[in-house]
Amino acid sequence: MTKTPFMPNLLKTVGASILFSGMAIAAAPSAPGAYVGIYNVTDTTARVSFTDTSTDEEGFKIYIHDENDVLDATLPVNPVVVPANDTPSPFQYKTLTDLSAHTIYKLHVTAFNADGESVATIPSSVNNGVIRTSPPVCQPAMPGEYVGTYNITNTSARISFIDNSNNEDGFRIRVYNAGTNALVKTMDVDPIAGTGNFQYANITGLTVDTIYKVVVTAFASGCGESDPTHPSSVNNGTFKTTNEPCPLMPGGYVGTYNTTSSGSRISFIDNADNETGFKVYVYKGTGTGSTLVKTLTLPAVTGIGGYRYANITGLDTNTLYSVKVSAFNASCESAMTMPSSANNGWFTTLP
């Protein structure tokens, strides 16, 4: 009977064992703890922490992705390499720099050695792999959330909002078609000194019978734009243009004369031929600090170019008043005149 040689088979078995043992040793480290802590976030930096779950890593790599989870190629170093953890603590830390202000980042962290790289952590939320950097320190505050919409015509509207910052270079108004969300107009308006005051703007060139929404930001050179307002309802950033032409605003000049201690007479030119009448708004004071104290309704004037007159009575003595006039019909009201000087929209009653 022929016997199978023992030694060759033994050598083959030992060799295979050594081979498989070597293959088991040659392996990438395990992935860092799935939770990647995010804290101490500023406009350009953030500190991260994660758990080291292996003993054979040469280091870690932090891949910084944008909010669409694509590697951010604008950063000077990406991925960021972190040395191996050789401390008794299971945690590893790194402060990320050169980030952009007011930006969302998503982090993927791996461990690596000469044999390869582990699978990556998966960012899931703010404070777990997702960074939302702060706005720049100099970024202006968002204008008052409420954006008033009024004096709406078939092609225009007037808006107002409160200035909440004292370092803006101006305000940017973006007008969107509410149905399609398409941006149809962008306009900048002047800054206001201090905070808490109202700014106004007339939006023109719109389409008849269309719903629009208005978003307002404050902006400053080198600091970007504030958070945008959020249009939420009619009279708060959203309006619909009328489907019939509004009357044109009466002549910008509103004459004030025959002033007494308790009243004054005004006059203005009719610029429209489709008005139902005129509205006269009488304010105590001028500008943003004025208070509406009286409203008069006057009948229409036939044709265009004729004058309309009104006597304003029942006023306080020795008091500054301003007058704004509009034309209206069943569809809408025109823009109001803007008082600018004595004998043009404002007067002081006699002592």
Protein backbone atom coordinates (compact mmCIF):
# COMPACT_ATOMS: atom_id res chain seq x y z
CA MET A 1 0.00 0.00 0.00
CA THR A 2 1.33 3.41 -0.99
CA LYS A 3 1.43 6.03 1.76
CA THR A 4 0.86 9.78 1.13
CA PRO A 5 4.01 11.70 2.02
CA PHE A 6 3.38 13.49 5.29
CA MET A 7 5.94 16.27 5.16
CA PRO A 8 4.89 17.99 1.87
CA ASN A 9 1.29 18.12 3.01
CA LEU A 10 2.35 19.56 6.33
CA LEU A 11 4.43 22.21 4.63
CA LYS A 12 1.53 23.10 2.37
CA THR A 13 -0.77 23.44 5.39
CA VAL A 14 1.70 25.55 7.35
CA GLY A 15 2.37 27.76 4.33
CA ALA A 16 -1.32 28.35 3.76
CA SER A 17 -1.78 29.13 7.44
CA ILE A 18 1.04 31.68 7.33
CA LEU A 19 -0.38 33.18 4.13
CA PHE A 20 -3.89 33.56 5.53
CA SER A 21 -2.51 34.87 8.80
CA GLY A 22 -0.55 37.54 6.90
CA MET A 23 -3.67 38.49 4.95
CA ALA A 24 -5.62 38.97 8.18
CA ILE A 25 -2.94 41.29 9.57
CA ALA A 26 -2.86 43.41 6.40
CA ALA A 27 -6.10 45.35 6.89
CA ALA A 28 -7.34 48.94 7.04
CA PRO A 29 -8.31 50.29 10.47
CA SER A 30 -11.90 50.36 11.60
CA ALA A 31 -13.93 53.49 11.03
CA PRO A 32 -13.96 56.23 13.68
CA GLY A 33 -17.02 56.46 15.87
CA ALA A 34 -20.03 57.33 13.76
CA TYR A 35 -20.78 60.43 15.85
CA VAL A 36 -18.70 63.45 14.81
CA GLY A 37 -19.18 66.21 17.35
CA ILE A 38 -19.39 69.82 16.12
CA TYR A 39 -18.94 72.75 18.50
CA ASN A 40 -17.19 76.13 19.04
CA VAL A 41 -18.44 77.20 15.61
CA THR A 42 -17.52 80.70 14.38
CA ASP A 43 -17.85 82.37 11.00
CA THR A 44 -14.63 80.71 9.71
CA THR A 45 -13.78 77.87 12.11
CA ALA A 46 -15.25 74.87 13.88
CA ARG A 47 -13.90 72.26 16.27
CA VAL A 48 -14.71 68.60 15.69
CA SER A 49 -14.33 65.45 17.77
CA PHE A 50 -14.73 61.76 17.07
CA THR A 51 -14.00 58.43 18.74
CA ASP A 52 -10.95 56.40 17.75
CA THR A 53 -12.13 52.79 17.43
CA SER A 54 -8.86 51.21 16.18
CA THR A 55 -5.34 50.68 17.46
CA ASP A 56 -3.51 50.40 14.17
CA GLU A 57 -4.29 53.69 12.40
CA GLU A 58 -1.58 56.03 11.15
CA GLY A 59 -4.01 58.93 11.23
CA PHE A 60 -7.42 60.21 10.23
CA LYS A 61 -8.77 62.16 7.27
CA ILE A 62 -11.57 64.71 7.54
CA TYR A 63 -13.28 65.26 4.19
CA ILE A 64 -15.15 68.58 4.08
CA HIS A 65 -18.14 68.56 1.71
CA ASP A 66 -20.51 71.36 0.76
CA GLU A 67 -24.23 71.29 1.57
CA ASN A 68 -24.82 69.15 -1.53
CA ASP A 69 -22.36 66.58 -0.10
CA VAL A 70 -19.73 67.30 -2.76
CA LEU A 71 -16.07 67.70 -1.75
CA ASP A 72 -15.41 71.43 -1.36
CA ALA A 73 -12.58 72.26 -3.78
CA THR A 74 -12.37 75.89 -2.64
CA LEU A 75 -10.67 75.06 0.67
CA PRO A 76 -6.85 75.24 0.66
CA VAL A 77 -6.53 71.80 2.32
CA ASN A 78 -9.15 69.10 1.84
CA PRO A 79 -9.13 66.45 3.23
CA VAL A 80 -7.56 67.57 6.51
CA VAL A 81 -5.15 64.97 7.93
CA VAL A 82 -5.19 64.40 11.69
CA PRO A 83 -2.37 62.43 13.40
CA ALA A 84 -3.00 59.07 15.03
CA ASN A 85 -4.44 59.13 18.52
CA ASP A 86 -1.61 58.17 20.91
CA THR A 87 -3.25 59.38 24.11
CA PRO A 88 -5.16 57.33 26.67
CA SER A 89 -8.34 59.16 25.66
CA PRO A 90 -10.44 57.47 22.96
CA PHE A 91 -11.33 60.87 21.50
CA GLN A 92 -9.54 62.74 18.76
CA TYR A 93 -9.98 66.48 18.07
CA LYS A 94 -9.30 68.95 15.29
CA THR A 95 -10.08 72.64 14.69
CA LEU A 96 -11.03 73.30 11.08
CA THR A 97 -10.13 76.70 9.63
CA ASP A 98 -10.56 78.69 6.41
CA LEU A 99 -14.30 78.01 6.30
CA SER A 100 -16.70 80.47 4.70
CA ALA A 101 -19.16 82.41 6.81
CA HIS A 102 -22.85 81.52 6.85
CA THR A 103 -22.23 78.21 5.07
CA ILE A 104 -23.26 74.59 5.56
CA TYR A 105 -20.59 71.88 5.49
CA LYS A 106 -20.85 68.09 5.81
CA LEU A 107 -17.94 66.09 7.26
CA HIS A 108 -16.87 62.53 6.44
CA VAL A 109 -14.12 61.11 8.70
CA THR A 110 -11.98 58.04 8.02
CA ALA A 111 -9.04 56.26 9.66
CA PHE A 112 -6.12 55.11 7.51
CA ASN A 113 -2.87 53.13 7.61
CA ALA A 114 -0.49 51.62 5.07
CA ASP A 115 -3.03 48.93 4.24
CA GLY A 116 -5.85 51.27 3.33
CA GLU A 117 -8.59 53.56 4.54
CA SER A 118 -11.68 52.79 6.59
CA VAL A 119 -15.21 53.50 5.54
CA ALA A 120 -16.33 57.06 6.23
CA THR A 121 -18.69 58.41 8.84
CA ILE A 122 -22.00 59.76 7.54
CA PRO A 123 -23.04 63.29 8.58
CA SER A 124 -26.62 63.33 9.77
CA SER A 125 -27.41 66.57 11.59
CA VAL A 126 -26.06 69.75 13.11
CA ASN A 127 -23.69 68.66 15.92
CA ASN A 128 -23.23 65.31 14.21
CA GLY A 129 -21.02 65.88 11.20
CA VAL A 130 -22.83 68.94 9.85
CA ILE A 131 -21.43 72.47 10.34
CA ARG A 132 -23.41 75.67 9.90
CA THR A 133 -20.91 78.51 10.24
CA SER A 134 -21.99 81.79 11.77
CA PRO A 135 -22.61 84.94 9.77
CA PRO A 136 -19.71 87.41 9.67
CA VAL A 137 -19.55 89.59 12.77
CA CYS A 138 -20.11 92.64 10.59
CA GLN A 139 -23.10 91.19 8.69
CA PRO A 140 -26.13 93.46 9.03
CA ALA A 141 -29.20 92.23 10.86
CA MET A 142 -32.22 91.17 8.81
CA PRO A 143 -34.73 93.98 8.24
CA GLY A 144 -37.94 93.76 10.24
CA GLU A 145 -39.58 90.47 9.33
CA TYR A 146 -42.81 92.26 8.45
CA VAL A 147 -42.74 93.76 4.93
CA GLY A 148 -45.78 95.93 4.42
CA THR A 149 -47.41 95.95 0.96
CA TYR A 150 -49.91 98.65 -0.01
CA ASN A 151 -50.88 101.22 -2.68
CA ILE A 152 -51.14 98.26 -5.06
CA THR A 153 -52.02 99.01 -8.70
CA ASN A 154 -52.13 96.91 -11.84
CA THR A 155 -48.38 97.38 -12.39
CA SER A 156 -46.92 98.58 -9.08
CA ALA A 157 -46.88 98.35 -5.30
CA ARG A 158 -45.33 100.19 -2.40
CA ILE A 159 -43.52 98.36 0.41
CA SER A 160 -42.17 99.28 3.84
CA PHE A 161 -39.96 97.54 6.39
CA ILE A 162 -38.03 98.32 9.59
CA ASP A 163 -34.26 98.73 9.61
CA ASN A 164 -32.76 96.52 12.34
CA SER A 165 -29.07 97.25 11.73
CA ASN A 166 -26.83 100.29 11.96
CA ASN A 167 -24.05 99.20 9.61
CA GLU A 168 -25.81 98.50 6.32
CA ASP A 169 -24.77 100.05 3.02
CA GLY A 170 -28.31 99.61 1.79
CA PHE A 171 -31.18 97.18 1.34
CA ARG A 172 -31.73 94.73 -1.52
CA ILE A 173 -35.28 94.01 -2.61
CA ARG A 174 -35.96 90.88 -4.65
CA VAL A 175 -39.36 90.46 -6.26
CA TYR A 176 -40.51 86.96 -7.24
CA ASN A 177 -43.46 85.68 -9.21
CA ALA A 178 -45.22 83.72 -6.46
CA GLY A 179 -46.61 81.18 -8.90
CA THR A 180 -43.37 80.26 -10.67
CA ASN A 181 -40.86 81.41 -8.01
CA ALA A 182 -38.96 83.20 -10.79
CA LEU A 183 -36.98 86.30 -9.81
CA VAL A 184 -38.45 89.17 -11.84
CA LYS A 185 -36.85 92.26 -10.32
CA THR A 186 -33.97 93.25 -8.04
CA MET A 187 -33.55 96.77 -6.68
CA ASP A 188 -31.37 98.45 -4.05
CA VAL A 189 -32.54 101.23 -1.76
CA ASP A 190 -30.60 103.58 0.49
CA PRO A 191 -29.52 102.79 4.06
CA ILE A 192 -31.06 104.52 7.10
CA ALA A 193 -29.08 105.97 9.99
CA GLY A 194 -29.56 104.12 13.27
CA THR A 195 -32.10 101.35 13.81
CA GLY A 196 -35.84 101.09 14.22
CA ASN A 197 -36.81 103.41 11.36
CA PHE A 198 -38.90 102.54 8.31
CA GLN A 199 -37.61 102.36 4.75
CA TYR A 200 -39.91 102.48 1.73
CA ALA A 201 -39.72 101.53 -1.93
CA ASN A 202 -42.00 101.68 -4.96
CA ILE A 203 -41.94 98.57 -7.14
CA THR A 204 -42.98 99.26 -10.73
CA GLY A 205 -43.14 97.49 -14.09
CA LEU A 206 -45.15 94.52 -12.83
CA THR A 207 -47.69 92.39 -14.70
CA VAL A 208 -51.44 92.87 -14.32
CA ASP A 209 -53.40 90.44 -12.10
CA THR A 210 -50.31 88.58 -10.82
CA ILE A 211 -49.26 87.43 -7.34
CA TYR A 212 -45.79 88.53 -6.24
CA LYS A 213 -43.69 87.97 -3.14
CA VAL A 214 -41.01 90.34 -1.89
CA VAL A 215 -37.82 89.34 -0.05
CA VAL A 216 -35.67 92.03 1.60
CA THR A 217 -32.09 91.88 2.91
CA ALA A 218 -29.66 94.41 4.34
CA PHE A 219 -26.16 94.38 2.85
CA ALA A 220 -22.74 95.78 3.75
CA SER A 221 -19.54 95.87 1.71
CA GLY A 222 -17.25 92.99 2.64
CA CYS A 223 -19.84 91.49 5.01
CA GLY A 224 -22.43 90.13 2.64
CA GLU A 225 -26.18 90.18 3.08
CA SER A 226 -28.37 89.59 6.08
CA ASP A 227 -30.82 86.74 6.32
CA PRO A 228 -33.78 87.38 4.01
CA THR A 229 -37.27 88.21 5.14
CA HIS A 230 -39.86 85.49 4.62
CA PRO A 231 -43.00 86.61 2.78
CA SER A 232 -45.91 84.93 4.48
CA SER A 233 -49.22 86.58 3.60
CA VAL A 234 -51.03 89.42 1.90
CA ASN A 235 -49.76 92.64 3.52
CA ASN A 236 -46.59 90.81 4.64
CA GLY A 237 -44.37 90.50 1.61
CA THR A 238 -47.03 89.09 -0.72
CA PHE A 239 -49.44 91.01 -2.92
CA LYS A 240 -51.51 90.67 -6.09
CA THR A 241 -51.59 93.36 -8.74
CA THR A 242 -55.02 94.52 -9.83
CA ASN A 243 -56.62 93.65 -13.15
CA GLU A 244 -57.72 97.19 -14.01
CA PRO A 245 -55.62 100.33 -14.40
CA CYS A 246 -55.34 102.50 -11.31
CA PRO A 247 -55.68 106.24 -11.65
CA LEU A 248 -52.44 108.13 -11.94
CA MET A 249 -51.21 109.91 -8.84
CA PRO A 250 -52.40 113.52 -8.61
CA GLY A 251 -49.80 116.16 -9.45
CA GLY A 252 -46.89 115.77 -7.08
CA TYR A 253 -47.21 119.39 -5.99
CA VAL A 254 -49.88 119.88 -3.31
CA GLY A 255 -50.32 123.59 -2.66
CA THR A 256 -50.98 124.69 0.95
CA TYR A 257 -52.22 128.22 1.62
CA ASN A 258 -54.80 130.32 3.51
CA THR A 259 -53.46 128.68 6.66
CA THR A 260 -55.13 129.67 9.94
CA SER A 261 -54.76 128.55 13.56
CA SER A 262 -57.10 125.59 12.95
CA GLY A 263 -56.91 124.76 9.26
CA SER A 264 -55.52 125.25 5.77
CA ARG A 265 -56.59 125.06 2.12
CA ILE A 266 -54.93 122.71 -0.36
CA SER A 267 -54.94 122.29 -4.14
CA PHE A 268 -53.56 119.72 -6.58
CA ILE A 269 -53.81 118.74 -10.24
CA ASP A 270 -55.84 115.75 -11.45
CA ASN A 271 -53.64 113.60 -13.72
CA ALA A 272 -56.17 110.84 -14.46
CA ASP A 273 -59.48 110.48 -16.27
CA ASN A 274 -60.59 107.23 -14.59
CA GLU A 275 -60.68 108.18 -10.91
CA THR A 276 -63.75 107.83 -8.73
CA GLY A 277 -62.34 110.46 -6.40
CA PHE A 278 -59.38 111.53 -4.28
CA LYS A 279 -58.24 110.80 -0.75
CA VAL A 280 -56.49 113.41 1.36
CA TYR A 281 -54.45 112.05 4.28
CA VAL A 282 -53.53 114.62 6.93
CA TYR A 283 -50.65 113.78 9.27
CA LYS A 284 -49.44 115.54 12.37
CA GLY A 285 -45.71 115.97 11.78
CA THR A 286 -43.69 114.81 8.77
CA GLY A 287 -41.62 111.77 7.82
CA THR A 288 -41.47 108.50 9.73
CA GLY A 289 -42.56 110.05 13.02
CA SER A 290 -45.85 111.46 11.68
CA THR A 291 -49.33 110.38 12.84
CA LEU A 292 -52.43 110.18 10.65
CA VAL A 293 -55.11 112.42 12.20
CA LYS A 294 -57.63 113.03 9.42
CA THR A 295 -58.76 111.54 6.09
CA LEU A 296 -60.91 113.37 3.54
CA THR A 297 -62.60 111.91 0.46
CA LEU A 298 -63.13 114.27 -2.50
CA PRO A 299 -65.17 113.75 -5.70
CA ALA A 300 -63.50 113.26 -9.07
CA VAL A 301 -62.57 115.98 -11.54
CA THR A 302 -63.74 115.63 -15.15
CA GLY A 303 -60.92 115.06 -17.64
CA ILE A 304 -57.23 115.56 -17.00
CA GLY A 305 -55.35 118.63 -15.80
CA GLY A 306 -58.06 120.24 -13.70
CA TYR A 307 -57.50 121.39 -10.12
CA ARG A 308 -59.16 119.95 -7.04
CA TYR A 309 -59.38 121.95 -3.80
CA ALA A 310 -60.16 121.11 -0.19
CA ASN A 311 -60.39 122.93 3.12
CA ILE A 312 -58.83 121.11 6.07
CA THR A 313 -60.35 122.16 9.38
CA GLY A 314 -60.36 121.18 13.05
CA LEU A 315 -56.56 121.23 13.49
CA ASP A 316 -54.46 122.18 16.51
CA THR A 317 -52.82 125.58 16.75
CA ASN A 318 -49.12 126.14 16.10
CA THR A 319 -48.67 122.57 14.84
CA LEU A 320 -46.81 121.12 11.87
CA TYR A 321 -48.97 119.03 9.49
CA SER A 322 -48.23 117.16 6.26
CA VAL A 323 -50.68 116.18 3.52
CA LYS A 324 -50.59 113.24 1.09
CA VAL A 325 -53.09 112.89 -1.75
CA SER A 326 -54.06 109.91 -3.92
CA ALA A 327 -56.62 109.15 -6.62
CA PHE A 328 -58.76 106.00 -6.47
CA ASN A 329 -61.35 104.01 -8.38
CA ALA A 330 -63.18 100.73 -7.80
CA SER A 331 -60.07 98.74 -8.67
CA CYS A 332 -57.35 100.40 -6.63
CA GLU A 333 -55.70 103.50 -5.27
CA SER A 334 -52.84 105.42 -6.85
CA ALA A 335 -49.56 106.15 -5.16
CA MET A 336 -49.64 109.02 -2.70
CA THR A 337 -47.95 112.37 -3.18
CA MET A 338 -44.93 112.99 -0.98
CA PRO A 339 -44.81 116.30 0.92
CA SER A 340 -41.43 117.97 0.52
CA SER A 341 -41.56 121.54 1.76
CA ALA A 342 -43.71 124.39 3.02
CA ASN A 343 -46.29 125.15 0.29
CA ASN A 344 -45.81 121.63 -1.08
CA GLY A 345 -47.69 119.25 1.11
CA TRP A 346 -46.95 120.60 4.57
CA PHE A 347 -47.77 123.64 6.66
CA THR A 348 -47.76 124.92 10.27
CA THR A 349 -50.98 126.28 11.73
CA LEU A 350 -50.86 129.72 13.27
CA PRO A 351 -50.55 130.27 17.03
